[in-house]
Amino acid sequence: MLGKSFKIVEPRRFDLYLDDLVCAPDEAVVKIEYAAICKADLRYYLGARDKRTLGFKYPMNLLHEAAGSIVLDKTKRFQVGERVVLVPNIILKDKHDCEHCVCRRADLGENYCPNAFFASSNYNGFAREYVNYPVDYLLKIPVNLEPRLATFTELISVAISAYRRLNLKGDETIGVWGDGVLGYILSTTLRYIHQGKIVVVGKDEDKLRQFKAHAQYLAGDPKIFEEELQIAYECVGGRFSAEAINEIIDQIVVGGRIVLTGVAEEQIGINTRKILEKGLSLYGVTRSNKNDFEKALTLLVDEKYQADISPLLLKELVINDITDFYRAFEEELGNKRLGKNVLRFNL
């Protein structure tokens, strides 16, 4: 079975491939219907990684936020035509045979396993017409969930993973730094799974007004000091992440916990002296696992939660050919709104 495939081969250049899909006994063939572009995809598109890393990555299919429909399932677990989300973080060997112990730790899991593969990073992503994929990492989309909205499952699962990492009691006051899509999804998700107060800090006043939180502050507002922030999530990333982290260090309570979720390609400077003086703990959180995806889908079928997440859906960009794919990446590069365009594959 042949399928069209778009691979990044060098910065700002995609090539069209024809993939020959060979489906293993534990795999299903999925037709990709909807997908979204994330910041990591844009970094590969721009070549915003060091040359050595890019040399290992190219050529590669991008995209790890996707939904599709079953074309063939040798395991008979899914019916033809059923819609599924694809979990991008996979382990191709039995977890119990893994020489690393992280998979069996509830706070970590396969997110951090050195044997894990992640689509569009060290494993081909979903910028393809068809994907043969392990059925263990496919999850059925509930019939009352719009497939376009299901493309946000990955980001929601990351928010759940970030919350799971700390094993919170449920009444802590939490600060979320970042007024982008991840900050919005994290703060919204926390309102559904956490009983404590949620505070959001950002730089864009118009975006902050759209957030579903108990309080919103512009970065630098001295009123933030009035909040007894016990937990803080950094969702800024990039060159502004140091500014956000240092503001968190200043404003979080003694003994507080800071979770870093943003990615900065360059090394950044943070106030380690104050971290020591205040006895703070820093956690790094990346990606998510299948259990996080399952919980994300459970949240997404809630009508109120759907109503809170739906405003993030911007335009639907139809992908008929590689030219449309280029246009989608260029449009997402220029997107300054709170939300994401959704790609509908019509290959």
Protein backbone atom coordinates (compact mmCIF):
# COMPACT_ATOMS: atom_id res chain seq x y z
CA MET A 1 0.00 0.00 0.00
CA LEU A 2 1.43 3.36 -1.07
CA GLY A 3 0.79 6.72 0.58
CA LYS A 4 1.94 10.30 0.05
CA SER A 5 4.32 11.70 2.63
CA PHE A 6 5.83 15.14 3.26
CA LYS A 7 9.31 15.13 4.80
CA ILE A 8 11.41 18.04 5.98
CA VAL A 9 14.83 17.58 4.34
CA GLU A 10 16.42 20.94 5.16
CA PRO A 11 15.21 24.25 6.60
CA ARG A 12 12.07 25.48 4.83
CA ARG A 13 12.13 22.59 2.36
CA PHE A 14 9.72 19.65 2.17
CA ASP A 15 10.04 16.80 -0.31
CA LEU A 16 7.22 14.55 -1.44
CA TYR A 17 7.78 10.85 -0.76
CA LEU A 18 5.76 7.79 -1.60
CA ASP A 19 5.79 5.47 1.40
CA ASP A 20 5.25 1.73 1.03
CA LEU A 21 3.24 0.77 4.11
CA VAL A 22 4.04 -2.66 5.50
CA CYS A 23 1.65 -3.35 8.36
CA ALA A 24 2.98 -5.54 11.18
CA PRO A 25 0.61 -7.93 13.03
CA ASP A 26 0.25 -5.51 15.96
CA GLU A 27 -0.33 -2.44 13.79
CA ALA A 28 -3.24 -0.72 12.09
CA VAL A 29 -3.26 1.52 9.03
CA VAL A 30 -4.65 4.96 9.81
CA LYS A 31 -5.64 7.59 7.26
CA ILE A 32 -4.59 10.95 8.67
CA GLU A 33 -7.53 13.37 8.56
CA TYR A 34 -6.66 16.26 10.88
CA ALA A 35 -3.44 17.55 12.39
CA ALA A 36 -1.94 20.65 14.00
CA ILE A 37 1.47 22.29 13.89
CA CYS A 38 3.32 22.80 17.17
CA LYS A 39 6.31 24.96 18.13
CA ALA A 40 8.69 21.99 17.80
CA ASP A 41 7.55 21.46 14.19
CA LEU A 42 8.23 25.14 13.48
CA ARG A 43 11.73 24.85 14.94
CA TYR A 44 12.53 21.98 12.58
CA TYR A 45 10.96 23.90 9.69
CA LEU A 46 13.13 26.94 10.40
CA GLY A 47 16.21 24.88 11.20
CA ALA A 48 16.28 26.42 14.68
CA ARG A 49 18.30 23.60 16.23
CA ASP A 50 22.05 23.06 16.15
CA LYS A 51 23.35 21.67 12.87
CA ARG A 52 24.49 18.39 14.40
CA THR A 53 21.00 17.66 15.76
CA LEU A 54 19.36 18.59 12.47
CA GLY A 55 21.76 16.29 10.66
CA PHE A 56 20.35 13.37 12.66
CA LYS A 57 16.73 14.47 12.20
CA TYR A 58 16.42 15.24 8.48
CA PRO A 59 14.68 13.81 6.47
CA MET A 60 11.66 13.37 8.74
CA ASN A 61 7.88 13.60 8.75
CA LEU A 62 6.76 16.37 11.09
CA LEU A 63 3.53 16.69 13.15
CA HIS A 64 2.63 14.79 16.33
CA GLU A 65 -0.86 16.16 17.00
CA ALA A 66 -3.21 14.18 14.77
CA ALA A 67 -6.47 12.32 14.36
CA GLY A 68 -7.46 9.88 11.66
CA SER A 69 -9.64 6.95 10.66
CA ILE A 70 -8.91 3.22 10.57
CA VAL A 71 -8.28 1.75 7.12
CA LEU A 72 -7.01 -1.67 8.20
CA ASP A 73 -6.53 -3.34 11.59
CA LYS A 74 -5.05 -6.82 11.62
CA THR A 75 -5.72 -7.14 15.35
CA LYS A 76 -9.50 -6.51 14.86
CA ARG A 77 -9.43 -4.13 17.84
CA PHE A 78 -10.83 -1.31 15.71
CA GLN A 79 -13.42 -1.30 12.96
CA VAL A 80 -12.74 0.21 9.56
CA GLY A 81 -13.80 3.86 9.58
CA GLU A 82 -13.50 4.35 13.34
CA ARG A 83 -11.77 7.59 14.22
CA VAL A 84 -8.73 7.55 16.49
CA VAL A 85 -6.10 9.82 17.97
CA LEU A 86 -2.50 8.73 17.68
CA VAL A 87 -0.33 8.77 20.81
CA PRO A 88 3.04 10.07 19.56
CA ASN A 89 5.12 8.75 22.49
CA ILE A 90 5.58 5.02 22.00
CA ILE A 91 7.75 2.15 23.23
CA LEU A 92 8.20 -0.62 20.71
CA LYS A 93 9.39 -3.18 23.25
CA ASP A 94 7.67 -4.59 26.33
CA LYS A 95 7.99 -2.10 29.19
CA HIS A 96 8.67 -4.93 31.62
CA ASP A 97 11.70 -5.95 29.54
CA CYS A 98 13.08 -2.41 29.57
CA GLU A 99 16.38 -2.03 31.40
CA HIS A 100 15.32 1.42 32.59
CA CYS A 101 13.08 1.79 35.62
CA VAL A 102 11.32 5.05 34.72
CA CYS A 103 8.44 3.35 32.87
CA ARG A 104 7.25 1.80 36.13
CA ARG A 105 7.31 5.11 38.03
CA ALA A 106 3.88 6.76 38.17
CA ASP A 107 5.34 10.27 38.27
CA LEU A 108 7.56 9.69 35.23
CA GLY A 109 6.44 6.88 32.95
CA GLU A 110 7.51 6.25 29.38
CA ASN A 111 7.76 10.01 28.73
CA TYR A 112 11.31 9.78 30.04
CA CYS A 113 12.34 6.31 28.92
CA PRO A 114 15.52 6.37 26.80
CA ASN A 115 13.96 3.61 24.67
CA ALA A 116 10.87 5.69 23.83
CA PHE A 117 10.17 6.99 20.34
CA PHE A 118 8.39 10.28 19.77
CA ALA A 119 6.72 11.07 16.46
CA SER A 120 8.33 14.03 14.66
CA SER A 121 11.42 13.88 16.88
CA ASN A 122 13.25 10.53 16.72
CA TYR A 123 10.45 8.77 14.82
CA ASN A 124 8.52 9.81 11.72
CA GLY A 125 5.52 12.00 12.49
CA PHE A 126 2.06 12.18 10.95
CA ALA A 127 2.56 14.44 7.89
CA ARG A 128 1.46 11.53 5.77
CA GLU A 129 -1.56 10.24 3.90
CA TYR A 130 -1.48 6.90 5.73
CA VAL A 131 0.39 5.73 8.83
CA ASN A 132 0.95 2.15 9.97
CA TYR A 133 0.94 2.42 13.76
CA PRO A 134 0.93 0.15 16.83
CA VAL A 135 -2.69 -0.41 17.90
CA ASP A 136 -1.65 -0.08 21.56
CA TYR A 137 -1.04 3.61 20.87
CA LEU A 138 -4.33 4.34 19.12
CA LEU A 139 -7.33 5.61 21.10
CA LYS A 140 -10.88 5.71 19.79
CA ILE A 141 -12.41 9.17 19.52
CA PRO A 142 -15.81 9.30 21.24
CA VAL A 143 -18.66 9.81 18.77
CA ASN A 144 -19.68 13.09 20.42
CA LEU A 145 -16.21 14.60 19.99
CA GLU A 146 -15.45 16.52 16.80
CA PRO A 147 -12.27 15.08 15.21
CA ARG A 148 -10.83 18.57 14.66
CA LEU A 149 -11.05 19.23 18.39
CA ALA A 150 -9.39 15.87 19.05
CA THR A 151 -6.15 17.29 17.63
CA PHE A 152 -5.82 19.15 20.94
CA THR A 153 -5.68 15.86 22.86
CA GLU A 154 -1.89 15.85 22.80
CA LEU A 155 -1.56 19.29 24.39
CA ILE A 156 -4.23 18.47 26.97
CA SER A 157 -2.37 15.25 27.80
CA VAL A 158 0.82 17.28 28.38
CA ALA A 159 -1.11 19.48 30.83
CA ILE A 160 -2.32 16.36 32.64
CA SER A 161 1.23 14.98 32.67
CA ALA A 162 2.52 18.23 34.18
CA TYR A 163 -0.09 18.01 36.94
CA ARG A 164 0.50 14.30 37.55
CA ARG A 165 4.23 14.87 37.99
CA LEU A 166 3.73 16.74 41.29
CA ASN A 167 1.13 14.51 42.94
CA LEU A 168 -0.62 17.55 44.43
CA LYS A 169 -3.06 17.51 47.34
CA GLY A 170 -5.64 19.50 45.40
CA ASP A 171 -5.91 22.79 47.30
CA GLU A 172 -2.62 24.50 46.39
CA THR A 173 -2.62 27.93 44.74
CA ILE A 174 -1.06 27.54 41.30
CA GLY A 175 0.48 30.15 39.02
CA VAL A 176 0.76 29.61 35.27
CA TRP A 177 3.25 31.80 33.38
CA GLY A 178 2.54 32.05 29.65
CA ASP A 179 -0.35 33.44 27.60
CA GLY A 180 -0.01 31.06 24.66
CA VAL A 181 -1.91 27.90 23.73
CA LEU A 182 -0.19 25.64 26.28
CA GLY A 183 -0.70 28.17 29.07
CA TYR A 184 -4.39 28.42 28.15
CA ILE A 185 -4.88 24.65 28.01
CA LEU A 186 -2.97 24.07 31.26
CA SER A 187 -4.84 26.73 33.23
CA THR A 188 -8.18 25.57 31.80
CA THR A 189 -7.45 21.92 32.54
CA LEU A 190 -6.35 22.74 36.09
CA ARG A 191 -9.77 24.27 36.76
CA TYR A 192 -11.34 20.88 36.05
CA ILE A 193 -8.91 18.66 37.98
CA HIS A 194 -7.64 20.91 40.79
CA GLN A 195 -9.56 22.54 43.65
CA GLY A 196 -7.12 25.36 44.43
CA LYS A 197 -6.90 28.85 42.97
CA ILE A 198 -5.45 29.24 39.46
CA VAL A 199 -3.54 32.43 38.58
CA VAL A 200 -2.25 33.26 35.09
CA VAL A 201 0.61 35.64 34.26
CA GLY A 202 1.36 36.87 30.75
CA LYS A 203 2.35 39.83 28.58
CA ASP A 204 -0.60 40.11 26.18
CA GLU A 205 -3.59 41.72 27.86
CA ASP A 206 -6.01 40.74 25.07
CA LYS A 207 -5.00 37.09 25.31
CA LEU A 208 -5.14 37.08 29.09
CA ARG A 209 -8.77 38.21 29.01
CA GLN A 210 -9.64 34.96 27.23
CA PHE A 211 -8.14 32.74 29.91
CA LYS A 212 -10.33 30.62 32.18
CA ALA A 213 -8.63 31.31 35.51
CA HIS A 214 -9.43 32.82 38.90
CA ALA A 215 -7.08 35.76 38.31
CA GLN A 216 -4.94 37.18 35.49
CA TYR A 217 -1.92 39.48 35.84
CA LEU A 218 0.41 41.18 33.43
CA ALA A 219 4.05 40.19 33.97
CA GLY A 220 5.70 42.57 36.42
CA ASP A 221 2.48 43.49 38.21
CA PRO A 222 3.39 43.85 41.92
CA LYS A 223 -0.05 42.52 42.86
CA ILE A 224 1.21 39.03 42.02
CA PHE A 225 3.12 39.15 45.32
CA GLU A 226 -0.24 39.20 47.10
CA GLU A 227 -0.89 35.66 45.83
CA GLU A 228 0.49 32.83 47.97
CA LEU A 229 1.74 30.79 45.01
CA GLN A 230 2.82 27.33 46.13
CA ILE A 231 3.16 25.85 42.65
CA ALA A 232 4.17 27.56 39.40
CA TYR A 233 4.20 26.31 35.82
CA GLU A 234 6.41 27.97 33.23
CA CYS A 235 4.82 27.70 29.77
CA VAL A 236 6.77 30.46 28.00
CA GLY A 237 9.78 28.82 26.40
CA GLY A 238 12.17 30.46 23.96
CA ARG A 239 14.22 33.54 24.74
CA PHE A 240 11.70 34.90 27.23
CA SER A 241 11.70 31.83 29.45
CA ALA A 242 14.52 33.13 31.70
CA GLU A 243 12.52 36.28 32.43
CA ALA A 244 9.47 34.19 33.34
CA ILE A 245 11.39 31.70 35.49
CA ASN A 246 13.15 34.44 37.42
CA GLU A 247 9.84 36.19 38.07
CA ILE A 248 8.46 32.89 39.36
CA ILE A 249 11.51 32.44 41.62
CA ASP A 250 10.90 35.90 43.06
CA GLN A 251 7.20 35.42 43.70
CA ILE A 252 6.68 31.80 44.70
CA VAL A 253 6.57 30.96 48.42
CA VAL A 254 9.46 29.43 50.35
CA GLY A 255 9.58 25.71 49.61
CA GLY A 256 7.53 26.13 46.45
CA ARG A 257 7.72 23.89 43.40
CA ILE A 258 8.37 25.12 39.87
CA VAL A 259 7.53 23.06 36.78
CA LEU A 260 9.31 23.93 33.52
CA THR A 261 7.38 23.01 30.37
CA GLY A 262 8.71 25.54 27.84
CA VAL A 263 11.68 24.80 25.58
CA ALA A 264 14.58 27.21 25.14
CA GLU A 265 17.13 26.22 22.50
CA GLU A 266 19.83 28.43 24.02
CA GLN A 267 21.12 28.20 27.58
CA ILE A 268 19.38 30.69 29.86
CA GLY A 269 20.38 32.39 33.11
CA ILE A 270 18.28 31.92 36.24
CA ASN A 271 18.74 33.07 39.83
CA THR A 272 20.14 29.95 41.49
CA ARG A 273 21.03 31.88 44.65
CA LYS A 274 17.38 32.64 45.35
CA ILE A 275 16.40 29.04 44.48
CA LEU A 276 18.76 27.93 47.26
CA GLU A 277 17.69 30.64 49.70
CA LYS A 278 14.00 29.76 49.28
CA GLY A 279 14.47 25.98 49.12
CA LEU A 280 12.68 25.70 45.80
CA SER A 281 12.30 22.55 43.71
CA LEU A 282 12.45 22.54 39.90
CA TYR A 283 10.83 19.87 37.73
CA GLY A 284 11.19 19.32 34.03
CA VAL A 285 8.09 18.04 32.26
CA THR A 286 7.96 16.95 28.65
CA ARG A 287 5.48 15.03 26.59
CA SER A 288 2.89 12.62 27.96
CA ASN A 289 1.91 8.96 27.87
CA LYS A 290 -1.07 6.86 26.84
CA ASN A 291 -2.76 7.15 30.25
CA ASP A 292 -2.53 10.94 30.01
CA PHE A 293 -4.16 10.74 26.57
CA GLU A 294 -7.00 8.63 27.94
CA LYS A 295 -7.66 11.19 30.66
CA ALA A 296 -7.50 13.99 28.09
CA LEU A 297 -10.18 12.31 25.97
CA THR A 298 -12.34 11.87 29.06
CA LEU A 299 -12.09 15.61 29.69
CA LEU A 300 -12.81 16.47 26.07
CA VAL A 301 -16.18 14.70 26.04
CA ASP A 302 -17.36 17.04 28.81
CA GLU A 303 -19.48 19.68 27.06
CA LYS A 304 -18.33 22.52 29.32
CA TYR A 305 -14.68 21.63 28.80
CA GLN A 306 -15.26 21.42 25.03
CA ALA A 307 -16.79 24.90 25.13
CA ASP A 308 -13.68 26.19 26.93
CA ILE A 309 -11.24 24.59 24.47
CA SER A 310 -13.16 25.23 21.22
CA PRO A 311 -12.13 28.91 20.95
CA LEU A 312 -8.58 27.69 20.30
CA LEU A 313 -9.73 26.30 16.93
CA LEU A 314 -8.88 28.95 14.35
CA LYS A 315 -8.99 28.28 10.62
CA GLU A 316 -9.23 24.92 8.89
CA LEU A 317 -6.48 24.69 6.27
CA VAL A 318 -7.12 22.08 3.58
CA ILE A 319 -3.97 20.22 2.48
CA ASN A 320 -4.37 18.98 -1.09
CA ASP A 321 -0.70 18.97 -1.99
CA ILE A 322 2.78 19.94 -0.81
CA THR A 323 2.21 23.59 -1.76
CA ASP A 324 -0.69 23.76 0.71
CA PHE A 325 1.56 22.19 3.33
CA TYR A 326 4.15 24.94 2.83
CA ARG A 327 1.43 27.59 3.11
CA ALA A 328 0.16 26.06 6.36
CA PHE A 329 3.60 26.29 7.97
CA GLU A 330 4.13 29.85 6.81
CA GLU A 331 0.70 30.86 8.10
CA GLU A 332 1.35 29.25 11.49
CA LEU A 333 4.67 31.08 11.71
CA GLY A 334 2.79 34.36 11.45
CA ASN A 335 -0.04 33.39 13.78
CA LYS A 336 -0.18 35.79 16.73
CA ARG A 337 -3.68 34.84 17.88
CA LEU A 338 -4.50 32.61 20.84
CA GLY A 339 -5.22 29.35 19.07
CA LYS A 340 -4.08 27.06 16.28
CA ASN A 341 -5.01 26.39 12.69
CA VAL A 342 -6.10 22.83 12.00
CA LEU A 343 -4.86 21.02 8.91
CA ARG A 344 -7.36 18.83 7.08
CA PHE A 345 -5.54 16.31 4.89
CA ASN A 346 -7.19 15.74 1.53
CA LEU A 347 -4.38 13.84 -0.19
